[in-house]
Amino acid sequence: MTHVITQSCCDDAACTAVCPVDCIQPAPGTPGFAAAEMLYIDPATCIDCGCCVPECPVDAIRPDLDLPPSLHHFAELNAAYFEGRRPGPVPPRSVLPPSLALDRRLRIAVVGAGPAGLYAALDLLETGGSGAAVDVYDRLPTPGGLIRYGVAPDHPSTKLAAEAFAAHAGRPHLRFRFGVEVGSDLTPAELGRAYDAVVYAVGAAGARTIGIPGEDLPGSLAAAEFVAWYNGHPDAGAREIDLSGPRAVVIGNGNVALDVARLLVSDPALLAGTDMAQHAVEALSRSGIREVLVVGRRGPLQAAFTTAELTALERLPGVDVVAEREGLDLTPAEERTLAADPILRARYAALRRLATGSPGGPARPRIRLRFLARPERILGSTAVTGVRLRRQVKRDVDGAVTFRPAGAAQTVGAGLVLTSVGYLTVPLPGLPYDGDRGVVRNADGRIVDEDGRPVPGAYVVGWAKRGPNGVIGTNKHCASATVQHLRSDASAGRLAPPVEPPQWLDALLAERCRRLTDWAGWTRLDRHERAAGQAVARPRVKVTSLPDMWRITGREG
């Protein structure tokens, strides 16, 4: 027997540190780790010790003999990763400095209670010497960020990462201050006066646009807005989304595009058993959508979705998933790329299967994957009626693949268009911003000004640092790299001590944030949601109204 890593892998990589035979790859510090879709267990060297299982925060590691049929293909995917590849041993974990040569405890603020911020906070608590006291700020009364409001509700295992963070909430020298919006209630300059350092983990709540006519029509919205709507983000509210038409078009082909496509045609009875927002469950149960067309502007090898997400889509119950054959052909350069990458081969093989399979019948909902199609216009006068697409052709130029439009345009009727072409960080007043990349301006986690000079005591982690890529566990290693810079700066005396005492900041918060709450307030809301869910056989029933959230936390004022 061997163990297998499955779809819910969050790339946290805690499992790699406990494996006695280094069979879990790629590990932090090994080639390919940063770009890996997930981690894999080598069936040839796994000794079935099970040490990795309790370390996984998202229950992604299973014995191969216990895999349900829906996960059998992950055994093949794990084995495929090691074809022609036997990485060397895992590099030793970095050792924390024994002391920062300080005679006092560092005071550090972390802005944002999503995965990146929480990973940074936990890492900071391990700082050597006198240690650190960490205050985590968030404008909402809920921690979790991407876990709560970004992960698809039909992926409950991925959400288990929130439980791992909750286990650390009571640690000494860690405080949570919910209901504080930095940039409005407090400025970065004010935070800088009260702390030795500030780590910004503000995420990427903005959505990139395509820049084509009709993008602002009713019925056209960013996939990010749709995700916020079905996950019950209070900013999204219970907005009305017209799902009456028979077809929706999703522009983009990353994991988010597959998420929204899948949820649009999933069995409403299955969604009713998840933590999806109740208003979304009800709307999707009345939906008239029977087909979702997922449009990729480039080819199948350039698609941003992971192999795990595609193969899971392939097994979606009650739904036909079809890859259109036109667009699957490869150039010689792509053939060489495919030959060198077993995971990419597994993805392409899945697409070939989807292009040749037999549909289950006209009554079944369908997802169609179309590649090499460029959107030129979203059609309609008062609301979306369709999309104009133009076929693209590709060719090899000096070993690289290029794309250009060719042929006549095609009109595809649709009542809903979701654009899924990336996220960007919303500029925060008082912080340098890199408009080209859509992130806080930084050099490997140190915030820098327009001239590239570090802003003393200011750091960034997560999507606001590197852009919207990676999975939940990617933020662990991203945060660790930034925290190492902070430690180095502290040890070298580059962090100025706070110029104001804690009482000064407490007075500002008391004056400006009448709904300031803490982890105990979130616990009251969490218990309320879980109890409401238990009554209807759901994990939780999310509270989606901010006034209701504050009332339940005990901060109605």
Protein backbone atom coordinates (compact mmCIF):
# COMPACT_ATOMS: atom_id res chain seq x y z
CA MET A 1 0.00 0.00 0.00
CA THR A 2 1.09 3.57 -0.64
CA HIS A 3 -0.41 6.96 0.11
CA VAL A 4 -1.81 9.34 -2.50
CA ILE A 5 -2.25 13.13 -2.53
CA THR A 6 -5.60 14.18 -3.92
CA GLN A 7 -7.28 17.25 -5.35
CA SER A 8 -7.66 19.23 -2.12
CA CYS A 9 -3.85 19.58 -1.76
CA CYS A 10 -3.16 23.13 -0.60
CA ASP A 11 0.63 23.06 -1.17
CA ASP A 12 1.26 23.81 2.50
CA ALA A 13 4.12 21.26 2.32
CA ALA A 14 4.12 20.48 6.04
CA CYS A 15 3.99 16.84 4.94
CA THR A 16 7.39 17.02 3.25
CA ALA A 17 9.18 17.82 6.51
CA VAL A 18 7.98 14.65 8.27
CA CYS A 19 8.46 12.14 5.44
CA PRO A 20 11.37 9.88 6.47
CA VAL A 21 12.16 8.82 2.88
CA ASP A 22 11.62 12.15 1.06
CA CYS A 23 8.98 10.62 -1.21
CA ILE A 24 6.73 13.72 -1.23
CA GLN A 25 7.76 16.09 -3.99
CA PRO A 26 8.39 18.79 -5.01
CA ALA A 27 9.44 20.01 -1.57
CA PRO A 28 10.28 23.60 -0.62
CA GLY A 29 13.72 24.40 -1.96
CA THR A 30 13.67 21.76 -4.70
CA PRO A 31 13.40 22.62 -8.40
CA GLY A 32 9.83 23.11 -9.54
CA PHE A 33 8.27 23.70 -6.13
CA ALA A 34 7.14 27.27 -6.82
CA ALA A 35 5.40 26.32 -10.07
CA ALA A 36 3.92 22.99 -8.94
CA GLU A 37 0.17 22.53 -9.25
CA MET A 38 0.16 20.30 -6.13
CA LEU A 39 2.41 17.84 -4.30
CA TYR A 40 2.80 14.17 -5.19
CA ILE A 41 3.80 10.96 -3.39
CA ASP A 42 6.17 8.57 -5.16
CA PRO A 43 4.56 5.11 -5.05
CA ALA A 44 7.95 3.49 -5.65
CA THR A 45 9.53 4.85 -2.46
CA CYS A 46 6.58 5.47 -0.08
CA ILE A 47 6.91 3.13 2.92
CA ASP A 48 3.31 3.57 4.12
CA CYS A 49 4.36 5.01 7.48
CA GLY A 50 1.47 7.50 7.50
CA CYS A 51 3.55 10.28 9.09
CA CYS A 52 2.29 12.72 6.48
CA VAL A 53 -1.43 12.15 7.10
CA PRO A 54 -1.89 14.11 10.35
CA GLU A 55 0.31 16.94 9.03
CA CYS A 56 -2.02 17.68 6.11
CA PRO A 57 -4.40 20.53 7.06
CA VAL A 58 -6.89 19.74 4.29
CA ASP A 59 -7.24 15.93 4.48
CA ALA A 60 -5.71 15.50 1.02
CA ILE A 61 -3.59 12.39 1.75
CA ARG A 62 -5.30 9.01 1.49
CA PRO A 63 -4.15 5.36 1.42
CA ASP A 64 -4.44 4.10 -2.15
CA LEU A 65 -6.60 1.15 -1.04
CA ASP A 66 -9.13 3.53 0.51
CA LEU A 67 -9.53 5.83 -2.47
CA PRO A 68 -13.16 6.14 -3.63
CA PRO A 69 -13.72 5.64 -7.37
CA SER A 70 -13.94 9.40 -7.92
CA LEU A 71 -10.33 9.77 -6.71
CA HIS A 72 -8.71 6.72 -8.32
CA HIS A 73 -7.13 8.82 -11.04
CA PHE A 74 -5.04 10.66 -8.46
CA ALA A 75 -3.01 7.50 -7.89
CA GLU A 76 -2.08 7.63 -11.57
CA LEU A 77 -1.39 11.36 -11.38
CA ASN A 78 0.93 10.94 -8.38
CA ALA A 79 2.85 8.20 -10.15
CA ALA A 80 3.00 10.18 -13.40
CA TYR A 81 4.84 13.05 -11.72
CA PHE A 82 7.83 10.79 -11.04
CA GLU A 83 8.21 9.49 -14.60
CA GLY A 84 11.87 9.99 -15.49
CA ARG A 85 12.36 12.04 -12.35
CA ARG A 86 13.90 11.11 -9.02
CA PRO A 87 14.54 14.33 -7.09
CA GLY A 88 17.25 14.43 -4.50
CA PRO A 89 16.65 14.72 -0.78
CA VAL A 90 14.58 17.51 0.69
CA PRO A 91 16.77 20.48 1.70
CA PRO A 92 17.00 21.01 5.47
CA ARG A 93 14.44 23.43 6.86
CA SER A 94 15.72 26.90 7.61
CA VAL A 95 16.70 27.44 11.20
CA LEU A 96 15.34 30.50 13.01
CA PRO A 97 17.96 32.89 14.32
CA PRO A 98 18.59 32.11 18.00
CA SER A 99 18.34 35.79 18.88
CA LEU A 100 17.69 39.12 17.24
CA ALA A 101 19.88 40.87 19.81
CA LEU A 102 16.90 42.87 21.08
CA ASP A 103 16.12 43.63 24.72
CA ARG A 104 12.37 44.00 24.07
CA ARG A 105 9.56 42.26 22.28
CA LEU A 106 8.85 43.45 18.74
CA ARG A 107 5.38 44.86 18.13
CA ILE A 108 4.13 43.90 14.67
CA ALA A 109 0.82 44.49 12.89
CA VAL A 110 -0.52 42.19 10.19
CA VAL A 111 -3.20 43.73 7.99
CA GLY A 112 -5.49 41.02 6.64
CA ALA A 113 -6.74 37.82 8.29
CA GLY A 114 -6.66 35.59 5.21
CA PRO A 115 -4.21 32.70 4.72
CA ALA A 116 -1.25 34.93 3.84
CA GLY A 117 -1.74 37.15 6.89
CA LEU A 118 -2.30 34.23 9.26
CA TYR A 119 0.73 32.32 7.97
CA ALA A 120 2.81 35.47 8.47
CA ALA A 121 1.45 36.00 12.00
CA LEU A 122 2.25 32.43 13.04
CA ASP A 123 5.73 32.66 11.54
CA LEU A 124 6.36 35.95 13.35
CA LEU A 125 5.42 34.42 16.69
CA GLU A 126 8.43 32.10 16.29
CA THR A 127 10.84 35.04 16.07
CA GLY A 128 13.92 34.41 18.21
CA GLY A 129 15.25 36.49 21.08
CA SER A 130 12.52 38.36 22.95
CA GLY A 131 10.00 37.32 20.31
CA ALA A 132 7.15 39.32 18.84
CA ALA A 133 3.67 40.44 19.77
CA VAL A 134 1.39 40.34 16.73
CA ASP A 135 -1.91 42.14 16.15
CA VAL A 136 -3.94 40.93 13.16
CA TYR A 137 -6.36 43.45 11.63
CA ASP A 138 -9.25 42.88 9.26
CA ARG A 139 -12.13 45.08 8.20
CA LEU A 140 -14.62 42.18 8.37
CA PRO A 141 -15.67 40.32 11.53
CA THR A 142 -14.55 37.05 9.93
CA PRO A 143 -11.06 35.57 9.47
CA GLY A 144 -10.20 33.27 6.61
CA GLY A 145 -10.22 35.57 3.59
CA LEU A 146 -9.78 33.35 0.53
CA ILE A 147 -10.72 30.21 2.48
CA ARG A 148 -14.15 31.54 3.43
CA TYR A 149 -14.91 33.71 0.43
CA GLY A 150 -12.87 32.23 -2.42
CA VAL A 151 -12.81 28.44 -2.16
CA ALA A 152 -15.70 26.81 -4.02
CA PRO A 153 -18.37 25.49 -1.60
CA ASP A 154 -18.26 22.01 -3.15
CA HIS A 155 -14.58 21.72 -2.10
CA PRO A 156 -15.10 21.32 1.66
CA SER A 157 -11.75 19.60 2.28
CA THR A 158 -9.88 22.70 1.11
CA LYS A 159 -11.75 24.75 3.70
CA LEU A 160 -10.28 22.59 6.49
CA ALA A 161 -7.24 24.89 6.42
CA ALA A 162 -9.34 27.34 8.44
CA GLU A 163 -9.52 24.82 11.29
CA ALA A 164 -5.73 24.59 11.36
CA PHE A 165 -5.48 28.37 11.78
CA ALA A 166 -8.20 28.42 14.45
CA ALA A 167 -6.15 26.01 16.57
CA HIS A 168 -3.54 28.78 17.01
CA ALA A 169 -5.95 31.62 17.84
CA GLY A 170 -5.32 31.47 21.58
CA ARG A 171 -1.53 31.66 21.40
CA PRO A 172 0.17 34.17 23.70
CA HIS A 173 1.05 37.54 22.17
CA LEU A 174 -1.44 37.09 19.28
CA ARG A 175 -4.47 39.40 19.11
CA PHE A 176 -7.20 39.86 16.51
CA ARG A 177 -8.79 43.22 15.80
CA PHE A 178 -11.74 42.77 13.49
CA GLY A 179 -13.78 45.69 12.19
CA VAL A 180 -10.80 47.93 11.40
CA GLU A 181 -10.32 49.11 7.82
CA VAL A 182 -6.74 50.19 7.26
CA GLY A 183 -6.72 53.07 4.80
CA SER A 184 -9.95 54.44 6.25
CA ASP A 185 -10.17 53.87 10.01
CA LEU A 186 -6.39 53.88 10.36
CA THR A 187 -3.75 55.02 7.89
CA PRO A 188 -0.54 53.11 7.14
CA ALA A 189 1.36 56.05 8.61
CA GLU A 190 -0.53 55.74 11.90
CA LEU A 191 0.14 52.00 12.04
CA GLY A 192 3.79 52.71 11.37
CA ARG A 193 3.92 55.00 14.41
CA ALA A 194 2.54 52.30 16.69
CA TYR A 195 4.50 49.23 15.54
CA ASP A 196 8.06 48.18 14.77
CA ALA A 197 6.81 46.75 11.48
CA VAL A 198 3.59 46.30 9.52
CA VAL A 199 2.96 43.32 7.23
CA TYR A 200 0.24 43.92 4.63
CA ALA A 201 -1.77 40.88 3.54
CA VAL A 202 -4.58 42.72 1.80
CA GLY A 203 -5.14 40.22 -1.02
CA ALA A 204 -6.43 41.01 -4.49
CA ALA A 205 -10.10 41.90 -4.32
CA GLY A 206 -10.19 43.70 -7.66
CA ALA A 207 -10.86 42.00 -10.99
CA ARG A 208 -9.03 42.63 -14.24
CA THR A 209 -11.13 43.57 -17.25
CA ILE A 210 -10.81 42.37 -20.83
CA GLY A 211 -11.37 45.81 -22.29
CA ILE A 212 -13.94 44.93 -24.97
CA PRO A 213 -17.22 46.68 -25.83
CA GLY A 214 -20.22 45.54 -23.83
CA GLU A 215 -18.27 44.48 -20.77
CA ASP A 216 -20.35 46.81 -18.59
CA LEU A 217 -23.75 45.50 -19.76
CA PRO A 218 -26.15 44.00 -17.21
CA GLY A 219 -25.52 40.26 -17.27
CA SER A 220 -21.77 40.74 -17.73
CA LEU A 221 -19.73 40.57 -14.55
CA ALA A 222 -16.37 39.47 -13.29
CA ALA A 223 -16.14 35.90 -12.10
CA ALA A 224 -14.72 37.34 -8.88
CA GLU A 225 -18.07 39.03 -8.24
CA PHE A 226 -19.91 35.80 -8.93
CA VAL A 227 -17.61 33.93 -6.52
CA ALA A 228 -18.23 36.55 -3.81
CA TRP A 229 -21.99 36.24 -4.43
CA TYR A 230 -22.21 32.48 -4.08
CA ASN A 231 -19.78 32.42 -1.14
CA GLY A 232 -21.79 34.99 0.79
CA HIS A 233 -19.30 37.85 0.95
CA PRO A 234 -21.08 40.78 2.62
CA ASP A 235 -19.84 43.17 -0.08
CA ALA A 236 -21.69 41.10 -2.70
CA GLY A 237 -24.94 40.94 -0.78
CA ALA A 238 -27.91 39.02 -2.16
CA ARG A 239 -27.68 40.74 -5.54
CA GLU A 240 -29.89 39.58 -8.36
CA ILE A 241 -28.07 37.65 -11.08
CA ASP A 242 -30.11 36.66 -14.13
CA LEU A 243 -29.74 32.90 -14.57
CA SER A 244 -32.82 32.48 -16.76
CA GLY A 245 -31.08 32.03 -20.11
CA PRO A 246 -30.09 28.59 -21.39
CA ARG A 247 -26.39 29.41 -21.87
CA ALA A 248 -23.62 31.19 -19.97
CA VAL A 249 -20.17 32.05 -21.32
CA VAL A 250 -17.09 32.09 -19.08
CA ILE A 251 -14.13 33.95 -20.57
CA GLY A 252 -10.87 32.61 -19.16
CA ASN A 253 -9.72 29.10 -18.33
CA GLY A 254 -8.09 29.06 -14.92
CA ASN A 255 -9.34 27.22 -11.85
CA VAL A 256 -11.80 29.98 -11.03
CA ALA A 257 -13.32 29.67 -14.50
CA LEU A 258 -13.78 25.93 -13.95
CA ASP A 259 -15.25 26.58 -10.49
CA VAL A 260 -17.95 28.94 -11.73
CA ALA A 261 -18.73 26.76 -14.76
CA ARG A 262 -19.10 23.69 -12.55
CA LEU A 263 -21.34 25.40 -10.01
CA LEU A 264 -23.60 26.84 -12.71
CA VAL A 265 -24.61 23.35 -13.84
CA SER A 266 -24.19 21.28 -10.67
CA ASP A 267 -27.15 19.50 -9.14
CA PRO A 268 -28.83 22.06 -6.83
CA ALA A 269 -29.50 19.27 -4.32
CA LEU A 270 -25.74 18.77 -3.95
CA LEU A 271 -25.12 22.49 -3.52
CA ALA A 272 -27.81 22.65 -0.84
CA GLY A 273 -25.59 20.44 1.33
CA THR A 274 -22.61 22.82 1.19
CA ASP A 275 -21.89 26.16 2.87
CA MET A 276 -22.90 28.07 -0.28
CA ALA A 277 -24.83 31.24 0.56
CA GLN A 278 -28.54 30.48 0.83
CA HIS A 279 -29.52 33.14 -1.71
CA ALA A 280 -27.20 31.49 -4.25
CA VAL A 281 -28.56 28.00 -3.54
CA GLU A 282 -32.08 29.27 -4.16
CA ALA A 283 -31.14 31.17 -7.32
CA LEU A 284 -29.24 28.23 -8.81
CA SER A 285 -32.14 25.87 -8.04
CA ARG A 286 -34.30 28.06 -10.31
CA SER A 287 -31.61 28.50 -12.97
CA GLY A 288 -32.41 27.92 -16.63
CA ILE A 289 -28.75 27.51 -17.61
CA ARG A 290 -28.14 24.19 -19.37
CA GLU A 291 -24.82 24.91 -21.05
CA VAL A 292 -21.68 26.77 -20.04
CA LEU A 293 -19.09 27.61 -22.68
CA VAL A 294 -15.61 28.15 -21.20
CA VAL A 295 -13.53 30.21 -23.63
CA GLY A 296 -9.73 30.19 -23.66
CA ARG A 297 -7.92 32.70 -25.82
CA ARG A 298 -4.86 30.47 -26.12
CA GLY A 299 -4.35 26.73 -26.51
CA PRO A 300 -4.83 23.80 -24.12
CA LEU A 301 -1.19 23.72 -22.99
CA GLN A 302 -1.35 27.38 -22.01
CA ALA A 303 -4.53 26.99 -19.94
CA ALA A 304 -4.16 28.15 -16.34
CA PHE A 305 -6.35 25.48 -14.74
CA THR A 306 -4.62 22.63 -12.95
CA THR A 307 -4.67 19.01 -14.02
CA ALA A 308 -6.39 18.06 -10.76
CA GLU A 309 -9.25 20.52 -11.35
CA LEU A 310 -9.72 19.38 -14.94
CA THR A 311 -9.78 15.68 -14.10
CA ALA A 312 -12.24 16.36 -11.28
CA LEU A 313 -14.47 18.20 -13.75
CA GLU A 314 -14.26 15.17 -16.01
CA ARG A 315 -16.00 13.17 -13.28
CA LEU A 316 -18.73 15.68 -12.40
CA PRO A 317 -21.90 13.62 -11.83
CA GLY A 318 -24.87 14.23 -14.10
CA VAL A 319 -23.03 16.71 -16.35
CA ASP A 320 -21.51 16.26 -19.80
CA VAL A 321 -18.09 17.90 -20.15
CA VAL A 322 -16.88 18.28 -23.72
CA ALA A 323 -13.62 19.68 -25.08
CA GLU A 324 -14.05 20.97 -28.62
CA ARG A 325 -11.67 19.13 -30.94
CA GLU A 326 -10.83 22.22 -32.95
CA GLY A 327 -8.10 23.90 -30.95
CA LEU A 328 -6.55 20.77 -29.44
CA ASP A 329 -3.93 20.23 -32.15
CA LEU A 330 -0.36 20.99 -31.09
CA THR A 331 2.58 22.67 -32.80
CA PRO A 332 6.01 20.94 -32.86
CA ALA A 333 7.20 23.17 -30.01
CA GLU A 334 4.18 22.17 -27.96
CA GLU A 335 4.77 18.50 -28.70
CA ARG A 336 8.28 18.86 -27.26
CA THR A 337 6.92 20.61 -24.18
CA LEU A 338 4.37 17.87 -23.71
CA ALA A 339 6.97 15.13 -23.99
CA ALA A 340 8.99 16.65 -21.16
CA ASP A 341 6.14 17.13 -18.65
CA PRO A 342 4.15 14.11 -17.41
CA ILE A 343 1.57 16.22 -15.56
CA LEU A 344 0.93 18.29 -18.67
CA ARG A 345 0.56 15.03 -20.59
CA ALA A 346 -2.06 13.87 -18.09
CA ARG A 347 -3.96 17.13 -18.58
CA TYR A 348 -3.82 16.90 -22.36
CA ALA A 349 -4.90 13.24 -22.26
CA ALA A 350 -7.94 14.26 -20.22
CA LEU A 351 -8.83 16.90 -22.80
CA ARG A 352 -8.51 14.32 -25.57
CA ARG A 353 -10.87 12.02 -23.68
CA LEU A 354 -13.35 14.87 -23.28
CA ALA A 355 -13.15 15.52 -27.02
CA THR A 356 -13.98 11.94 -27.98
CA GLY A 357 -16.45 10.87 -25.29
CA SER A 358 -20.13 10.28 -25.94
CA PRO A 359 -22.54 12.84 -24.42
CA GLY A 360 -25.13 11.45 -22.04
CA GLY A 361 -28.06 12.99 -23.85
CA PRO A 362 -29.74 16.33 -24.64
CA ALA A 363 -31.44 16.51 -21.24
CA ARG A 364 -28.15 16.67 -19.34
CA PRO A 365 -26.46 20.00 -18.59
CA ARG A 366 -23.17 20.53 -20.37
CA ILE A 367 -19.84 22.31 -20.04
CA ARG A 368 -17.96 22.95 -23.27
CA LEU A 369 -14.27 23.87 -23.30
CA ARG A 370 -13.23 25.94 -26.30
CA PHE A 371 -9.66 27.01 -26.97
CA LEU A 372 -8.14 29.50 -29.43
CA ALA A 373 -11.12 31.85 -29.36
CA ARG A 374 -10.70 35.58 -28.71
CA PRO A 375 -13.70 37.57 -27.42
CA GLU A 376 -14.21 40.77 -29.41
CA ARG A 377 -17.50 42.11 -28.08
CA ILE A 378 -20.19 41.31 -25.54
CA LEU A 379 -23.46 41.78 -27.39
CA GLY A 380 -26.68 43.42 -26.27
CA SER A 381 -28.28 46.83 -25.81
CA THR A 382 -29.91 46.78 -22.38
CA ALA A 383 -28.61 43.39 -21.27
CA VAL A 384 -26.25 40.66 -22.47
CA THR A 385 -27.52 38.63 -25.41
CA GLY A 386 -24.31 36.98 -26.55
CA VAL A 387 -20.59 37.17 -27.26
CA ARG A 388 -18.71 37.68 -30.52
CA LEU A 389 -15.70 35.38 -30.75
CA ARG A 390 -12.97 35.13 -33.36
CA ARG A 391 -10.92 32.00 -33.92
CA GLN A 392 -7.18 32.27 -33.28
CA VAL A 393 -4.39 30.39 -35.02
CA LYS A 394 -1.02 29.56 -33.55
CA ARG A 395 2.41 28.88 -34.93
CA ASP A 396 5.94 28.34 -33.69
CA VAL A 397 8.30 31.31 -33.86
CA ASP A 398 11.86 30.67 -32.70
CA GLY A 399 10.67 27.83 -30.48
CA ALA A 400 7.86 29.86 -28.90
CA VAL A 401 4.14 29.63 -29.65
CA THR A 402 2.42 32.77 -30.93
CA PHE A 403 -1.28 33.47 -31.47
CA ARG A 404 -3.16 35.72 -33.88
CA PRO A 405 -6.83 36.11 -34.85
CA ALA A 406 -7.93 34.65 -38.16
CA GLY A 407 -11.14 33.80 -39.98
CA ALA A 408 -14.68 35.06 -39.57
CA ALA A 409 -16.21 36.02 -36.24
CA GLN A 410 -18.83 33.80 -34.61
CA THR A 411 -21.71 34.90 -32.42
CA VAL A 412 -22.61 32.77 -29.41
CA GLY A 413 -25.91 33.52 -27.71
CA ALA A 414 -25.77 33.88 -23.92
CA GLY A 415 -27.70 35.57 -21.13
CA LEU A 416 -24.76 35.62 -18.72
CA VAL A 417 -21.07 36.36 -19.31
CA LEU A 418 -18.48 35.89 -16.57
CA THR A 419 -14.99 37.23 -17.20
CA SER A 420 -12.27 35.32 -15.38
CA VAL A 421 -9.00 36.86 -16.49
CA GLY A 422 -7.31 37.59 -13.18
CA TYR A 423 -7.43 39.51 -9.94
CA LEU A 424 -5.55 42.62 -8.84
CA THR A 425 -4.88 44.31 -5.53
CA VAL A 426 -6.97 47.40 -4.89
CA PRO A 427 -4.64 50.36 -4.20
CA LEU A 428 -4.45 51.18 -0.50
CA PRO A 429 -4.07 54.90 0.32
CA GLY A 430 -0.63 55.50 1.73
CA LEU A 431 1.07 52.47 0.18
CA PRO A 432 3.18 52.45 -3.03
CA TYR A 433 1.32 50.66 -5.84
CA ASP A 434 2.58 48.86 -8.93
CA GLY A 435 -0.16 49.52 -11.46
CA ASP A 436 1.42 47.33 -14.14
CA ARG A 437 1.35 44.23 -11.96
CA GLY A 438 -1.66 45.15 -9.84
CA VAL A 439 0.20 44.60 -6.53
CA VAL A 440 1.72 46.63 -3.70
CA ARG A 441 5.09 47.83 -4.98
CA ASN A 442 7.68 45.56 -3.41
CA ALA A 443 11.02 43.81 -3.78
CA ASP A 444 10.53 40.22 -2.61
CA GLY A 445 8.23 41.29 0.21
CA ARG A 446 9.87 44.55 1.26
CA ILE A 447 7.61 47.44 0.25
CA VAL A 448 9.58 49.93 -1.86
CA ASP A 449 8.94 53.44 -3.17
CA GLU A 450 8.96 54.48 -6.84
CA ASP A 451 12.75 54.66 -6.75
CA GLY A 452 13.04 51.12 -5.43
CA ARG A 453 14.08 52.15 -1.92
CA PRO A 454 12.64 50.07 0.95
CA VAL A 455 9.97 51.75 3.04
CA PRO A 456 11.26 51.16 6.59
CA GLY A 457 9.18 48.68 8.56
CA ALA A 458 6.70 47.96 5.73
CA TYR A 459 6.26 44.49 4.20
CA VAL A 460 3.77 42.61 2.06
CA VAL A 461 2.72 38.98 1.63
CA GLY A 462 0.30 36.91 -0.44
CA TRP A 463 -1.45 38.03 -3.60
CA ALA A 464 -0.73 41.67 -2.78
CA LYS A 465 2.97 40.75 -3.01
CA ARG A 466 3.23 38.30 -5.91
CA GLY A 467 -0.09 38.57 -7.78
CA PRO A 468 -3.00 36.10 -7.89
CA ASN A 469 -1.27 32.77 -8.27
CA GLY A 470 -0.78 29.62 -6.25
CA VAL A 471 -3.07 27.89 -3.77
CA ILE A 472 -3.66 28.35 -0.06
CA GLY A 473 -0.42 26.73 1.06
CA THR A 474 1.62 28.80 -1.41
CA ASN A 475 1.05 31.68 0.99
CA LYS A 476 2.92 29.84 3.73
CA HIS A 477 6.19 29.92 1.83
CA CYS A 478 5.51 33.39 0.46
CA ALA A 479 4.95 34.69 4.00
CA SER A 480 8.01 32.88 5.33
CA ALA A 481 10.24 34.60 2.77
CA THR A 482 8.90 38.03 3.74
CA VAL A 483 9.20 37.32 7.48
CA GLN A 484 12.83 36.28 6.99
CA HIS A 485 13.49 39.73 5.50
CA LEU A 486 11.74 41.35 8.47
CA ARG A 487 13.87 39.33 10.90
CA SER A 488 17.01 40.27 9.01
CA ASP A 489 16.07 43.95 9.12
CA ALA A 490 15.33 43.73 12.85
CA SER A 491 18.65 42.03 13.55
CA ALA A 492 20.50 44.67 11.53
CA GLY A 493 18.81 47.53 13.42
CA ARG A 494 16.84 48.73 10.40
CA LEU A 495 13.48 48.76 12.24
CA ALA A 496 12.71 51.96 14.12
CA PRO A 497 10.91 51.35 17.44
CA PRO A 498 7.32 52.61 17.77
CA VAL A 499 7.04 56.31 18.49
CA GLU A 500 3.64 55.95 20.17
CA PRO A 501 2.63 53.67 23.07
CA PRO A 502 -0.09 51.04 22.70
CA GLN A 503 -2.51 53.27 24.60
CA TRP A 504 -2.32 55.86 21.82
CA LEU A 505 -3.48 53.36 19.20
CA ASP A 506 -6.15 51.94 21.51
CA ALA A 507 -7.59 55.44 21.94
CA LEU A 508 -7.70 55.93 18.15
CA LEU A 509 -9.49 52.62 17.66
CA ALA A 510 -12.00 53.38 20.43
CA GLU A 511 -12.79 56.71 18.76
CA ARG A 512 -13.00 55.52 15.16
CA CYS A 513 -14.06 51.85 15.22
CA ARG A 514 -17.27 51.47 17.17
CA ARG A 515 -17.63 47.88 15.93
CA LEU A 516 -14.17 46.72 16.91
CA THR A 517 -14.29 43.04 17.90
CA ASP A 518 -11.89 40.15 18.44
CA TRP A 519 -11.62 36.37 18.11
CA ALA A 520 -14.32 35.88 20.74
CA GLY A 521 -16.70 37.92 18.57
CA TRP A 522 -15.89 35.76 15.55
CA THR A 523 -16.42 32.63 17.68
CA ARG A 524 -19.96 33.77 18.47
CA LEU A 525 -20.67 34.25 14.76
CA ASP A 526 -19.04 30.93 13.89
CA ARG A 527 -21.17 29.06 16.45
CA HIS A 528 -24.32 30.77 15.18
CA GLU A 529 -23.62 29.72 11.58
CA ARG A 530 -22.74 26.14 12.53
CA ALA A 531 -25.88 25.79 14.65
CA ALA A 532 -28.03 27.11 11.82
CA GLY A 533 -26.34 24.65 9.48
CA GLN A 534 -26.83 21.70 11.82
CA ALA A 535 -30.57 22.36 11.83
CA VAL A 536 -30.74 21.84 8.06
CA ALA A 537 -27.94 19.26 7.59
CA ARG A 538 -25.39 21.74 6.23
CA PRO A 539 -21.84 22.57 7.44
CA ARG A 540 -23.00 26.10 8.22
CA VAL A 541 -25.48 28.70 7.04
CA LYS A 542 -23.47 31.81 6.38
CA VAL A 543 -24.59 35.19 7.63
CA THR A 544 -24.15 37.49 4.64
CA SER A 545 -25.37 40.85 5.98
CA LEU A 546 -22.80 42.97 7.77
CA PRO A 547 -25.33 44.47 10.22
CA ASP A 548 -26.43 40.94 11.16
CA MET A 549 -22.81 39.86 11.51
CA TRP A 550 -22.02 42.71 13.87
CA ARG A 551 -25.17 42.04 15.87
CA ILE A 552 -24.22 38.39 16.39
CA THR A 553 -20.64 39.25 17.35
CA GLY A 554 -22.06 41.56 20.01
CA ARG A 555 -21.05 44.82 18.31
CA GLU A 556 -24.33 46.36 17.14
CA GLY A 557 -23.30 49.88 18.06
